[in-house]
Amino acid sequence: MSFGGPQWPQEPQQQGQQGYGQQHGYGYPQQPGPYGQQQQPQHGYGYPPPQDPFAGAQGGPGGPGDGTPDWGALAAASEAGSRRKRRLLIAGGVLATVAVGALVAAAVVATNKKNDEAKNGGPTPTGPVTTTASPTPAPTFSSVAPPPPPDPKDYITDPKKDKAPLTTDGLYPGTKLTMFGRPYKKGATSATKNCASVTTGGLGSVLSKNGCEHVLRATYVKDGVAITVGVAVFPSEKAALAAKKQATGGIAPLAGKGVGTFCHATVCLRRANSVGRYAYFTQAGFANGKKVTTKDKPVFQASDDLGTFVFNQIYARGKSQANAAAAASAPPR
C-alpha cells in the first residue's frame, strides 16, 4: 500500500457494464442488459450494489407476490456494510500508523542531527555574529623603582670614582676653541704637581693649604687679549670650595707658542671658581701690557668665555664617567 492513500477495492465489472464516467447517480443503470433483463445496479467507488429487500415479495416470503421483507437479503446487506466499515477502519489505522511512524522517524533524524552537532561543536552560525572585543591589557610595571642614573657631579666630586686620565690635551683639546661664535687660538700648555710654582701673590699658599694635587694650564689669545686658565685638582669638593673662597693673587700667565709675556707689572683681570673637586682660575689682560679697566669689555668677555669653557670641560669629564658606569651595570640584552 502506498502512502498516497488507501486503494479502495473494486467489484469486477460485468459484461457490458459502463465505467464510472457513464454511471448515473450512485450506480443505478437506466438501460437494460444485453439479454433483455434488468442488470443488477452497480454502486460507484467499490461499494457493493444495494439490495432490494422487497425483490421477492410476490408469492410469499422471499417469493413473488409476498409482502414480507426479504430478511436474508437484509442480513447480507448488513454484513456487507460491516465488512466495508472494517476495511475503512483497517485502512485508516494503517495510514495513521504510517503517519506516526514518519513523524517518529523525522524526530529521530532531527535528534540524531542535534546530537551530531553537539559532538562536533555545534553548527556553523549563518547569521550575523556579535563579538565582544577583549579589552587591551594594560601594561604592567615593576613595583621596584629602577635606580636613578648616575649623577655626573658624583664623578667629579669623589676621587674614588674620578679615575679617568686627566691631561692638558684632554682638558684643552685642539689648537683653538670657539665660544658663542668667538674663536680663540690656543698657545702654550703645562701641567705640574707643584701647585704653588704656577701662581702669583698668595694663591700658592692657598692651594697648598687645601691639598692641591696638581695644576693644568693653557693660554688662549684673541684680538690682542691674552688669557691663561689654570685648573687645580683637590682631594674633595670641600677643599676646592675653600680654595676658591680664600683665593688671593692669581694663576701665573703662561707665555709661549706665539704669545709673549703679558700681565707683568700691570693691571689684569683675575677670577676664581670651582665645581666638584676642581677649582679654576683665570688671568686676562692685553698682550701689549696695557692696563685693564672696567670699560675694557673684550677682556671681561674673554675671561667669561674661558671660564665657561673650563666648566663645561670638567662637567663633560664627570658625564663621560657616569655613562660608562651605567653601561657597565646594565643587564645584558
Protein backbone atom coordinates (compact mmCIF):
# COMPACT_ATOMS: atom_id res chain seq x y z
CA MET A 1 0.00 0.00 0.00
CA SER A 2 1.37 3.33 -0.99
CA PHE A 3 1.43 6.46 1.19
CA GLY A 4 -0.79 8.28 -1.32
CA GLY A 5 -3.92 6.95 0.39
CA PRO A 6 -5.77 3.63 0.62
CA GLN A 7 -6.76 1.90 -2.62
CA TRP A 8 -10.40 1.18 -2.41
CA PRO A 9 -11.38 -2.42 -3.56
CA GLN A 10 -13.21 -2.67 -6.90
CA GLU A 11 -16.06 -5.01 -7.76
CA PRO A 12 -15.43 -6.90 -11.05
CA GLN A 13 -17.36 -5.35 -13.91
CA GLN A 14 -19.99 -7.44 -15.67
CA GLN A 15 -20.05 -7.73 -19.42
CA GLY A 16 -21.42 -4.59 -20.97
CA GLN A 17 -21.17 -2.51 -17.75
CA GLN A 18 -20.15 1.12 -18.17
CA GLY A 19 -17.33 2.75 -16.25
CA TYR A 20 -17.60 5.42 -13.58
CA GLY A 21 -17.97 8.18 -16.07
CA GLN A 22 -21.16 6.63 -17.52
CA GLN A 23 -22.90 5.81 -14.28
CA HIS A 24 -25.91 7.79 -13.17
CA GLY A 25 -26.26 8.80 -9.55
CA TYR A 26 -24.66 6.14 -7.41
CA GLY A 27 -24.69 3.26 -9.94
CA TYR A 28 -28.34 2.68 -10.88
CA PRO A 29 -28.29 1.91 -14.67
CA GLN A 30 -31.18 3.24 -16.79
CA GLN A 31 -30.79 0.79 -19.73
CA PRO A 32 -31.45 -2.98 -19.90
CA GLY A 33 -28.68 -5.54 -20.30
CA PRO A 34 -27.87 -7.47 -23.43
CA TYR A 35 -30.34 -10.27 -22.64
CA GLY A 36 -33.32 -8.07 -22.08
CA GLN A 37 -33.09 -8.41 -18.35
CA GLN A 38 -32.64 -5.63 -15.82
CA GLN A 39 -28.97 -5.57 -14.81
CA GLN A 40 -28.01 -5.52 -11.19
CA PRO A 41 -27.21 -1.91 -10.31
CA GLN A 42 -23.51 -1.26 -9.74
CA HIS A 43 -22.56 1.16 -6.93
CA GLY A 44 -19.72 3.57 -7.54
CA TYR A 45 -16.29 3.65 -5.84
CA GLY A 46 -16.28 -0.03 -4.86
CA TYR A 47 -19.42 -0.04 -2.72
CA PRO A 48 -21.48 -3.29 -3.04
CA PRO A 49 -24.73 -2.99 -5.06
CA PRO A 50 -27.72 -2.05 -2.94
CA GLN A 51 -30.17 -4.92 -2.39
CA ASP A 52 -33.91 -4.51 -2.78
CA PRO A 53 -35.45 -6.09 0.31
CA PHE A 54 -38.79 -6.42 -1.47
CA ALA A 55 -37.42 -8.11 -4.60
CA GLY A 56 -39.15 -11.43 -3.79
CA ALA A 57 -42.35 -10.03 -2.30
CA GLN A 58 -44.70 -11.87 -4.74
CA GLY A 59 -45.97 -15.31 -3.68
CA GLY A 60 -44.72 -15.47 -0.05
CA PRO A 61 -41.75 -14.73 1.94
CA GLY A 62 -38.97 -14.07 -0.41
CA GLY A 63 -41.05 -15.06 -3.31
CA PRO A 64 -43.06 -13.15 -5.86
CA GLY A 65 -46.15 -11.59 -4.51
CA ASP A 66 -45.13 -11.92 -0.85
CA GLY A 67 -45.46 -8.59 1.05
CA THR A 68 -42.89 -9.51 3.72
CA PRO A 69 -39.28 -8.23 3.59
CA ASP A 70 -36.52 -10.47 2.34
CA TRP A 71 -34.70 -10.89 5.65
CA GLY A 72 -31.88 -12.86 4.06
CA ALA A 73 -31.17 -10.03 1.70
CA LEU A 74 -31.24 -7.55 4.57
CA ALA A 75 -28.79 -9.68 6.57
CA ALA A 76 -26.46 -9.93 3.59
CA ALA A 77 -26.60 -6.16 3.09
CA SER A 78 -25.85 -5.58 6.76
CA GLU A 79 -22.89 -7.99 6.64
CA ALA A 80 -21.55 -6.24 3.56
CA GLY A 81 -21.77 -2.85 5.34
CA SER A 82 -19.93 -4.25 8.37
CA ARG A 83 -17.18 -5.60 6.16
CA ARG A 84 -16.89 -2.19 4.45
CA LYS A 85 -16.57 -0.41 7.82
CA ARG A 86 -13.87 -2.87 8.95
CA ARG A 87 -11.90 -2.26 5.75
CA LEU A 88 -12.17 1.51 6.28
CA LEU A 89 -11.00 1.22 9.90
CA ILE A 90 -8.09 -1.04 8.96
CA ALA A 91 -7.02 1.27 6.14
CA GLY A 92 -7.30 4.35 8.36
CA GLY A 93 -5.33 2.64 11.11
CA VAL A 94 -2.59 1.70 8.68
CA LEU A 95 -2.48 5.27 7.37
CA ALA A 96 -2.31 6.71 10.91
CA THR A 97 0.42 4.22 11.82
CA VAL A 98 2.41 5.20 8.76
CA ALA A 99 1.96 8.91 9.55
CA VAL A 100 3.05 8.44 13.19
CA GLY A 101 5.99 6.37 12.02
CA ALA A 102 7.04 9.14 9.66
CA LEU A 103 6.83 11.72 12.47
CA VAL A 104 8.85 9.48 14.79
CA ALA A 105 11.46 8.90 12.09
CA ALA A 106 11.71 12.65 11.47
CA ALA A 107 12.09 13.27 15.20
CA VAL A 108 14.80 10.63 15.44
CA VAL A 109 16.63 12.12 12.47
CA ALA A 110 16.37 15.58 13.99
CA THR A 111 17.53 14.27 17.37
CA ASN A 112 20.47 12.44 15.85
CA LYS A 113 21.39 15.52 13.86
CA LYS A 114 21.28 17.65 17.00
CA ASN A 115 23.42 15.13 18.84
CA ASP A 116 25.93 15.03 15.99
CA GLU A 117 26.16 18.77 16.01
CA ALA A 118 26.75 18.83 19.74
CA LYS A 119 29.51 16.27 19.42
CA ASN A 120 31.17 18.27 16.66
CA GLY A 121 30.98 21.63 18.37
CA GLY A 122 27.57 22.72 17.04
CA PRO A 123 26.56 24.08 13.64
CA THR A 124 28.39 26.86 11.93
CA PRO A 125 26.44 30.10 12.50
CA THR A 126 24.99 31.55 9.32
CA GLY A 127 23.60 34.79 10.76
CA PRO A 128 25.47 37.85 11.99
CA VAL A 129 27.74 37.10 14.91
CA THR A 130 28.17 39.65 17.64
CA THR A 131 31.58 39.62 19.24
CA THR A 132 32.79 41.45 22.27
CA ALA A 133 36.28 42.82 21.92
CA SER A 134 38.55 41.94 24.78
CA PRO A 135 39.98 45.00 26.44
CA THR A 136 43.58 45.67 25.64
CA PRO A 137 45.57 44.58 28.66
CA ALA A 138 47.11 47.47 30.46
CA PRO A 139 50.90 47.49 30.64
CA THR A 140 52.33 46.30 33.89
CA PHE A 141 55.23 47.88 35.62
CA SER A 142 57.52 46.62 38.28
CA SER A 143 56.79 47.90 41.74
CA VAL A 144 60.52 48.29 42.27
CA ALA A 145 61.70 51.64 41.01
CA PRO A 146 64.79 51.46 38.81
CA PRO A 147 67.86 53.07 40.23
CA PRO A 148 68.41 56.67 39.18
CA PRO A 149 71.04 57.28 36.52
CA PRO A 150 74.45 58.18 37.85
CA ASP A 151 74.99 61.86 38.58
CA PRO A 152 77.96 63.29 36.67
CA LYS A 153 78.79 65.50 39.64
CA ASP A 154 79.43 62.40 41.77
CA TYR A 155 82.29 61.51 39.43
CA ILE A 156 83.94 64.92 39.62
CA THR A 157 83.46 65.13 43.39
CA ASP A 158 84.55 61.73 44.71
CA PRO A 159 88.20 60.87 43.92
CA LYS A 160 87.31 57.14 44.26
CA LYS A 161 85.05 57.48 41.22
CA ASP A 162 87.02 60.13 39.34
CA LYS A 163 89.56 57.75 37.85
CA ALA A 164 89.69 58.86 34.22
CA PRO A 165 93.07 60.16 32.97
CA LEU A 166 93.48 63.93 33.24
CA THR A 167 95.87 65.60 30.78
CA THR A 168 96.29 69.00 29.20
CA ASP A 169 95.43 67.57 25.78
CA GLY A 170 92.24 66.06 27.17
CA LEU A 171 91.23 69.17 29.11
CA TYR A 172 92.29 71.63 26.39
CA PRO A 173 91.89 69.76 23.10
CA GLY A 174 92.75 71.06 19.63
CA THR A 175 94.57 74.22 18.59
CA LYS A 176 91.67 76.62 19.10
CA LEU A 177 88.23 76.87 20.66
CA THR A 178 85.10 78.81 19.75
CA MET A 179 82.66 80.15 22.34
CA PHE A 180 79.41 81.78 21.21
CA GLY A 181 80.89 82.30 17.78
CA ARG A 182 84.08 83.85 19.07
CA PRO A 183 87.26 81.95 18.10
CA TYR A 184 90.30 81.71 20.38
CA LYS A 185 93.69 80.42 19.37
CA LYS A 186 95.45 78.13 21.81
CA GLY A 187 99.01 78.92 22.88
CA ALA A 188 101.22 77.05 25.35
CA THR A 189 100.07 74.44 27.89
CA SER A 190 101.62 72.98 31.06
CA ALA A 191 100.90 70.56 33.91
CA THR A 192 102.61 70.30 37.32
CA LYS A 193 102.12 68.78 40.75
CA ASN A 194 103.92 71.70 42.32
CA CYS A 195 100.77 73.81 42.52
CA ALA A 196 102.36 76.86 44.20
CA SER A 197 105.03 77.19 41.48
CA VAL A 198 102.47 78.32 38.88
CA THR A 199 100.83 81.05 40.94
CA THR A 200 101.35 84.70 41.82
CA GLY A 201 100.71 86.56 45.05
CA GLY A 202 99.21 84.48 47.85
CA LEU A 203 97.42 81.91 45.68
CA GLY A 204 100.24 79.36 46.02
CA SER A 205 99.88 79.09 49.78
CA VAL A 206 96.11 78.78 49.46
CA LEU A 207 96.43 75.90 47.03
CA SER A 208 98.99 74.12 49.17
CA LYS A 209 96.97 74.56 52.36
CA ASN A 210 93.90 72.92 50.83
CA GLY A 211 95.78 69.96 49.45
CA CYS A 212 96.15 70.86 45.76
CA GLU A 213 97.34 67.78 43.85
CA HIS A 214 98.31 69.34 40.52
CA VAL A 215 97.54 72.25 38.18
CA LEU A 216 96.96 72.20 34.42
CA ARG A 217 97.33 75.46 32.48
CA ALA A 218 96.67 76.75 28.95
CA THR A 219 96.82 80.18 27.27
CA TYR A 220 94.45 81.49 24.58
CA VAL A 221 94.58 84.70 22.59
CA LYS A 222 92.06 86.72 20.58
CA ASP A 223 92.31 90.24 19.12
CA GLY A 224 95.20 91.34 21.37
CA VAL A 225 93.70 89.89 24.53
CA ALA A 226 95.56 87.00 26.20
CA ILE A 227 94.04 84.70 28.85
CA THR A 228 95.69 81.97 30.94
CA VAL A 229 93.37 79.47 32.63
CA GLY A 230 94.56 77.06 35.34
CA VAL A 231 92.62 74.09 36.76
CA ALA A 232 93.69 72.90 40.23
CA VAL A 233 92.66 69.42 41.42
CA PHE A 234 91.85 68.78 45.11
CA PRO A 235 91.07 65.66 47.13
CA SER A 236 87.50 66.79 47.85
CA GLU A 237 84.79 69.24 46.89
CA LYS A 238 85.15 70.91 50.27
CA ALA A 239 88.85 71.62 49.68
CA ALA A 240 88.22 73.07 46.21
CA LEU A 241 85.45 75.29 47.53
CA ALA A 242 87.70 76.53 50.33
CA ALA A 243 90.48 77.35 47.83
CA LYS A 244 88.07 79.40 45.74
CA LYS A 245 86.86 81.39 48.72
CA GLN A 246 90.36 82.00 50.04
CA ALA A 247 91.89 82.87 46.71
CA THR A 248 94.22 85.85 46.55
CA GLY A 249 96.76 86.70 43.89
CA GLY A 250 96.19 84.63 40.74
CA ILE A 251 97.35 81.97 38.32
CA ALA A 252 100.68 82.84 36.68
CA PRO A 253 100.37 83.90 32.98
CA LEU A 254 101.80 81.32 30.57
CA ALA A 255 103.66 82.70 27.52
CA GLY A 256 104.87 80.75 24.51
CA LYS A 257 103.76 79.49 21.08
CA GLY A 258 103.29 82.91 19.62
CA VAL A 259 102.12 84.60 22.80
CA GLY A 260 104.55 86.97 24.54
CA THR A 261 104.73 87.93 28.16
CA PHE A 262 101.57 89.59 29.45
CA CYS A 263 100.09 90.67 32.79
CA HIS A 264 103.57 91.56 34.10
CA ALA A 265 103.81 94.76 36.17
CA THR A 266 100.36 95.88 35.01
CA VAL A 267 96.74 95.52 35.96
CA CYS A 268 94.88 92.36 34.76
CA LEU A 269 91.54 90.70 35.46
CA ARG A 270 91.72 87.77 37.88
CA ARG A 271 88.85 85.36 38.66
CA ALA A 272 88.30 82.14 40.65
CA ASN A 273 85.53 79.50 40.70
CA SER A 274 85.03 75.78 41.48
CA VAL A 275 82.92 72.74 40.57
CA GLY A 276 83.20 69.39 42.31
CA ARG A 277 86.76 68.80 43.48
CA TYR A 278 88.13 71.22 40.86
CA ALA A 279 88.90 74.92 41.29
CA TYR A 280 89.73 77.01 38.23
CA PHE A 281 91.35 80.41 37.90
CA THR A 282 91.79 82.88 35.01
CA GLN A 283 94.20 85.80 34.39
CA ALA A 284 93.22 88.03 31.42
CA GLY A 285 94.85 91.19 30.05
CA PHE A 286 96.18 92.91 27.00
CA ALA A 287 99.05 91.22 25.20
CA ASN A 288 100.83 94.60 24.84
CA GLY A 289 100.84 95.19 28.62
CA LYS A 290 98.11 97.80 28.67
CA LYS A 291 96.27 98.10 31.98
CA VAL A 292 92.77 96.68 32.15
CA THR A 293 89.93 98.92 33.29
CA THR A 294 86.23 98.26 33.91
CA LYS A 295 85.48 99.69 30.47
CA ASP A 296 87.51 97.03 28.65
CA LYS A 297 84.70 94.78 27.63
CA PRO A 298 86.77 92.41 25.40
CA VAL A 299 88.86 91.41 28.43
CA PHE A 300 85.85 90.64 30.58
CA GLN A 301 84.23 88.76 27.73
CA ALA A 302 87.36 86.65 27.13
CA SER A 303 87.54 85.83 30.87
CA ASP A 304 83.86 84.74 30.85
CA ASP A 305 84.32 82.61 27.72
CA LEU A 306 87.34 80.75 29.09
CA GLY A 307 85.68 80.22 32.49
CA THR A 308 82.59 78.75 30.80
CA PHE A 309 84.73 76.57 28.57
CA VAL A 310 86.63 75.08 31.50
CA PHE A 311 83.45 74.47 33.49
CA ASN A 312 81.96 72.59 30.51
CA GLN A 313 85.11 70.51 30.14
CA ILE A 314 85.10 69.45 33.79
CA TYR A 315 81.39 68.60 33.71
CA ALA A 316 81.84 66.60 30.49
CA ARG A 317 84.51 64.60 32.30
CA GLY A 318 82.01 63.64 35.01
CA LYS A 319 79.26 62.84 32.49
CA SER A 320 81.52 60.58 30.46
CA GLN A 321 82.44 58.53 33.52
CA ALA A 322 78.80 58.32 34.69
CA ASN A 323 77.68 56.99 31.29
CA ALA A 324 80.42 54.39 31.30
CA ALA A 325 79.36 53.22 34.78
CA ALA A 326 75.70 52.99 33.71
CA ALA A 327 76.60 50.94 30.64
CA ALA A 328 78.71 48.56 32.71
CA SER A 329 75.88 47.92 35.20
CA ALA A 330 73.11 47.47 32.60
CA PRO A 331 71.77 43.88 32.20
CA PRO A 332 72.85 42.12 29.00
CA ARG A 333 70.37 42.21 26.10
